[in-house]
Amino acid sequence: LSGGLNKEKLLEENIKLWDVSTGKEIQTFEGHVIGVLSVAFSPDGKYILSAGSVFTIKLWDVSTGKEIRTFESHTDIVEFVTFIPLFSNGKYVLSGSWNKTINFWNVSTGEKIRTFIGHTEAVKCVAFSPNGEFIVFGGSDGIIDLWKIKPNRRMIRIFLGHTDSINSVAFSPNGKYILS
């Protein structure tokens, strides 16, 4: 890389908490070995999730900056991690990986509850419907799959038509449409 940039430092190994009103750093969370690819706040703002390049997810306490738990199950880079909104009150987490899977976790125990499969390449992104009933995933394989969360977490539709990686998905505010 030109300009004196260090290639190894392009993937940050820590997470920083910033104050929006002052622009000042409040806290640094250290513990990932290589890069951090995804971060998320719990619905109550007390915890942070981070997903890393070394196949792990970490749960952090915002007030102390301490690591609470490491979730280990993916066998490749974890592309995204997010708390499930609405019905779960921050009790459950989803993570997607380059190993073609999405894992569903219990935050309190660190236990993997279920693995969603169906992609032929990396799972890159996730979005929740406004009412919290549906999840949509996009992957490097150009596949979008729609899952119903309640009552039994099942895939209900696959959207095909992309010829390359899907890096972002979103629901419309009324939940009738998906963008990819």
Protein backbone atom coordinates (compact mmCIF):
# COMPACT_ATOMS: atom_id res chain seq x y z
CA LEU A 1 0.00 0.00 0.00
CA SER A 2 1.20 3.49 -0.77
CA GLY A 3 1.28 6.49 1.54
CA GLY A 4 2.89 4.63 4.42
CA LEU A 5 -0.26 2.71 5.38
CA ASN A 6 0.33 -0.54 7.18
CA LYS A 7 -1.79 -3.29 5.58
CA GLU A 8 -2.05 -5.18 8.89
CA LYS A 9 -3.60 -2.14 10.57
CA LEU A 10 -6.45 -1.83 8.07
CA LEU A 11 -8.39 -4.31 10.20
CA GLU A 12 -8.73 -2.78 13.67
CA GLU A 13 -8.26 -5.11 16.59
CA ASN A 14 -10.28 -3.06 19.04
CA ILE A 15 -13.60 -1.28 19.35
CA LYS A 16 -14.04 2.33 20.38
CA LEU A 17 -17.06 3.94 22.03
CA TRP A 18 -17.49 7.61 21.08
CA ASP A 19 -19.56 10.45 22.52
CA VAL A 20 -21.62 11.92 19.67
CA SER A 21 -21.98 15.39 21.21
CA THR A 22 -18.28 15.92 22.01
CA GLY A 23 -16.57 13.63 19.49
CA LYS A 24 -14.42 12.22 22.30
CA GLU A 25 -13.50 8.61 22.79
CA ILE A 26 -15.12 7.19 25.93
CA GLN A 27 -13.92 3.59 26.01
CA THR A 28 -11.74 1.13 24.09
CA PHE A 29 -12.62 -2.54 24.08
CA GLU A 30 -9.57 -4.71 23.42
CA GLY A 31 -9.45 -8.45 22.89
CA HIS A 32 -9.79 -9.36 19.24
CA VAL A 33 -6.70 -10.89 17.69
CA ILE A 34 -7.12 -9.62 14.14
CA GLY A 35 -9.88 -7.49 12.64
CA VAL A 36 -13.33 -6.49 13.85
CA LEU A 37 -15.87 -6.63 11.04
CA SER A 38 -19.17 -5.95 12.80
CA VAL A 39 -20.43 -4.33 16.02
CA ALA A 40 -23.87 -3.95 17.59
CA PHE A 41 -25.45 -2.49 20.72
CA SER A 42 -27.95 -4.47 22.79
CA PRO A 43 -31.45 -2.95 22.80
CA ASP A 44 -30.91 -1.59 26.33
CA GLY A 45 -27.46 -0.19 25.44
CA LYS A 46 -25.70 -2.09 28.24
CA TYR A 47 -23.81 -4.52 26.03
CA ILE A 48 -21.87 -4.58 22.77
CA LEU A 49 -21.32 -7.45 20.37
CA SER A 50 -18.32 -7.63 18.08
CA ALA A 51 -17.52 -10.09 15.31
CA GLY A 52 -13.98 -10.78 14.24
CA SER A 53 -11.83 -12.20 11.54
CA VAL A 54 -10.72 -15.05 13.81
CA PHE A 55 -14.10 -16.81 13.78
CA THR A 56 -15.25 -15.37 17.14
CA ILE A 57 -17.95 -13.13 18.54
CA LYS A 58 -17.43 -11.25 21.78
CA LEU A 59 -19.93 -9.80 24.24
CA TRP A 60 -18.79 -6.71 26.18
CA ASP A 61 -20.09 -4.74 29.15
CA VAL A 62 -20.33 -1.09 28.05
CA SER A 63 -19.90 0.38 31.56
CA THR A 64 -16.72 -1.55 32.43
CA GLY A 65 -15.25 -2.27 28.99
CA LYS A 66 -14.73 -5.88 30.06
CA GLU A 67 -15.32 -8.90 27.88
CA ILE A 68 -18.14 -11.04 29.27
CA ARG A 69 -18.17 -13.96 26.84
CA THR A 70 -16.72 -15.29 23.62
CA PHE A 71 -19.00 -17.19 21.26
CA GLU A 72 -17.12 -19.79 19.23
CA SER A 73 -18.70 -22.02 16.65
CA HIS A 74 -18.15 -20.54 13.22
CA THR A 75 -15.33 -22.12 11.26
CA ASP A 76 -14.54 -19.02 9.21
CA ILE A 77 -14.63 -15.21 9.36
CA VAL A 78 -17.76 -13.81 11.02
CA GLU A 79 -19.16 -11.15 8.67
CA PHE A 80 -21.98 -9.79 10.85
CA VAL A 81 -23.42 -10.01 14.33
CA THR A 82 -26.62 -8.44 15.63
CA PHE A 83 -29.03 -8.60 18.52
CA ILE A 84 -32.49 -9.77 17.49
CA PRO A 85 -34.81 -6.81 18.00
CA LEU A 86 -38.30 -6.58 19.45
CA PHE A 87 -39.46 -9.90 20.85
CA SER A 88 -36.16 -11.07 22.32
CA ASN A 89 -35.27 -8.06 24.55
CA GLY A 90 -31.62 -8.63 23.68
CA LYS A 91 -31.63 -12.26 24.78
CA TYR A 92 -30.74 -13.63 21.35
CA VAL A 93 -28.12 -12.91 18.73
CA LEU A 94 -27.60 -13.76 15.07
CA SER A 95 -24.23 -14.08 13.36
CA GLY A 96 -23.35 -14.80 9.74
CA SER A 97 -20.11 -16.23 8.48
CA TRP A 98 -18.00 -17.00 5.48
CA ASN A 99 -18.62 -20.66 6.36
CA LYS A 100 -22.07 -20.29 4.70
CA THR A 101 -24.02 -20.40 7.98
CA ILE A 102 -26.05 -18.16 10.26
CA ASN A 103 -25.94 -19.01 13.95
CA PHE A 104 -28.69 -18.21 16.46
CA TRP A 105 -27.29 -17.72 20.00
CA ASN A 106 -28.53 -17.34 23.57
CA VAL A 107 -26.70 -14.29 24.96
CA SER A 108 -26.93 -15.34 28.63
CA THR A 109 -25.40 -18.77 28.19
CA GLY A 110 -23.36 -18.35 25.01
CA GLU A 111 -25.07 -21.48 23.72
CA LYS A 112 -25.69 -21.89 20.01
CA ILE A 113 -29.39 -22.64 19.66
CA ARG A 114 -29.63 -23.23 15.94
CA THR A 115 -27.68 -22.98 12.70
CA PHE A 116 -29.45 -21.74 9.59
CA ILE A 117 -28.07 -23.20 6.36
CA GLY A 118 -28.86 -22.70 2.71
CA HIS A 119 -26.18 -20.46 1.26
CA THR A 120 -23.44 -21.79 -1.00
CA GLU A 121 -21.02 -18.96 -0.13
CA ALA A 122 -20.47 -16.42 2.67
CA VAL A 123 -23.48 -14.90 4.42
CA LYS A 124 -22.86 -11.15 4.27
CA CYS A 125 -25.84 -9.22 5.64
CA VAL A 126 -29.07 -9.33 7.60
CA ALA A 127 -32.17 -7.18 8.10
CA PHE A 128 -35.26 -7.49 10.27
CA SER A 129 -38.78 -6.58 9.24
CA PRO A 130 -40.26 -3.55 11.06
CA ASN A 131 -42.65 -5.77 13.01
CA GLY A 132 -39.83 -8.18 13.95
CA GLU A 133 -41.55 -11.21 12.44
CA PHE A 134 -39.18 -11.78 9.53
CA ILE A 135 -35.43 -11.87 8.86
CA VAL A 136 -33.79 -11.58 5.47
CA PHE A 137 -30.21 -12.67 4.73
CA GLY A 138 -28.01 -11.91 1.74
CA GLY A 139 -24.89 -13.73 0.66
CA SER A 140 -21.88 -13.78 -1.65
CA ASP A 141 -23.75 -16.38 -3.70
CA GLY A 142 -26.36 -13.79 -4.80
CA ILE A 143 -29.07 -15.55 -2.79
CA ILE A 144 -31.51 -13.76 -0.52
CA ASP A 145 -33.52 -15.88 1.88
CA LEU A 146 -36.49 -14.81 3.98
CA TRP A 147 -37.19 -16.49 7.33
CA LYS A 148 -40.19 -16.25 9.62
CA ILE A 149 -39.01 -15.90 13.23
CA LYS A 150 -42.14 -16.98 15.07
CA PRO A 151 -43.41 -19.52 15.83
CA ASN A 152 -40.80 -21.98 14.52
CA ARG A 153 -38.00 -20.12 12.67
CA ARG A 154 -38.39 -21.42 9.13
CA MET A 155 -37.34 -20.26 5.69
CA ILE A 156 -40.35 -19.18 3.66
CA ARG A 157 -38.90 -17.74 0.45
CA ILE A 158 -35.73 -17.48 -1.65
CA PHE A 159 -35.15 -14.50 -3.94
CA LEU A 160 -32.90 -15.12 -6.96
CA GLY A 161 -31.74 -12.70 -9.63
CA HIS A 162 -28.47 -11.20 -8.50
CA THR A 163 -25.35 -12.36 -10.31
CA ASP A 164 -22.87 -11.23 -7.66
CA SER A 165 -22.48 -10.79 -3.90
CA ILE A 166 -25.24 -9.19 -1.86
CA ASN A 167 -23.64 -6.89 0.69
CA SER A 168 -26.70 -5.14 2.09
CA VAL A 169 -30.41 -5.87 2.51
CA ALA A 170 -33.22 -3.76 3.97
CA PHE A 171 -36.96 -3.90 4.57
CA SER A 172 -39.25 -1.05 3.59
CA PRO A 173 -40.88 0.74 6.58
CA ASN A 174 -44.17 -1.07 5.93
CA GLY A 175 -42.44 -4.49 5.59
CA LYS A 176 -43.88 -5.13 2.10
CA TYR A 177 -40.62 -4.80 0.18
CA ILE A 178 -36.99 -5.82 0.45
CA LEU A 179 -34.04 -3.98 -1.08
CA SER A 180 -30.82 -5.74 -1.99
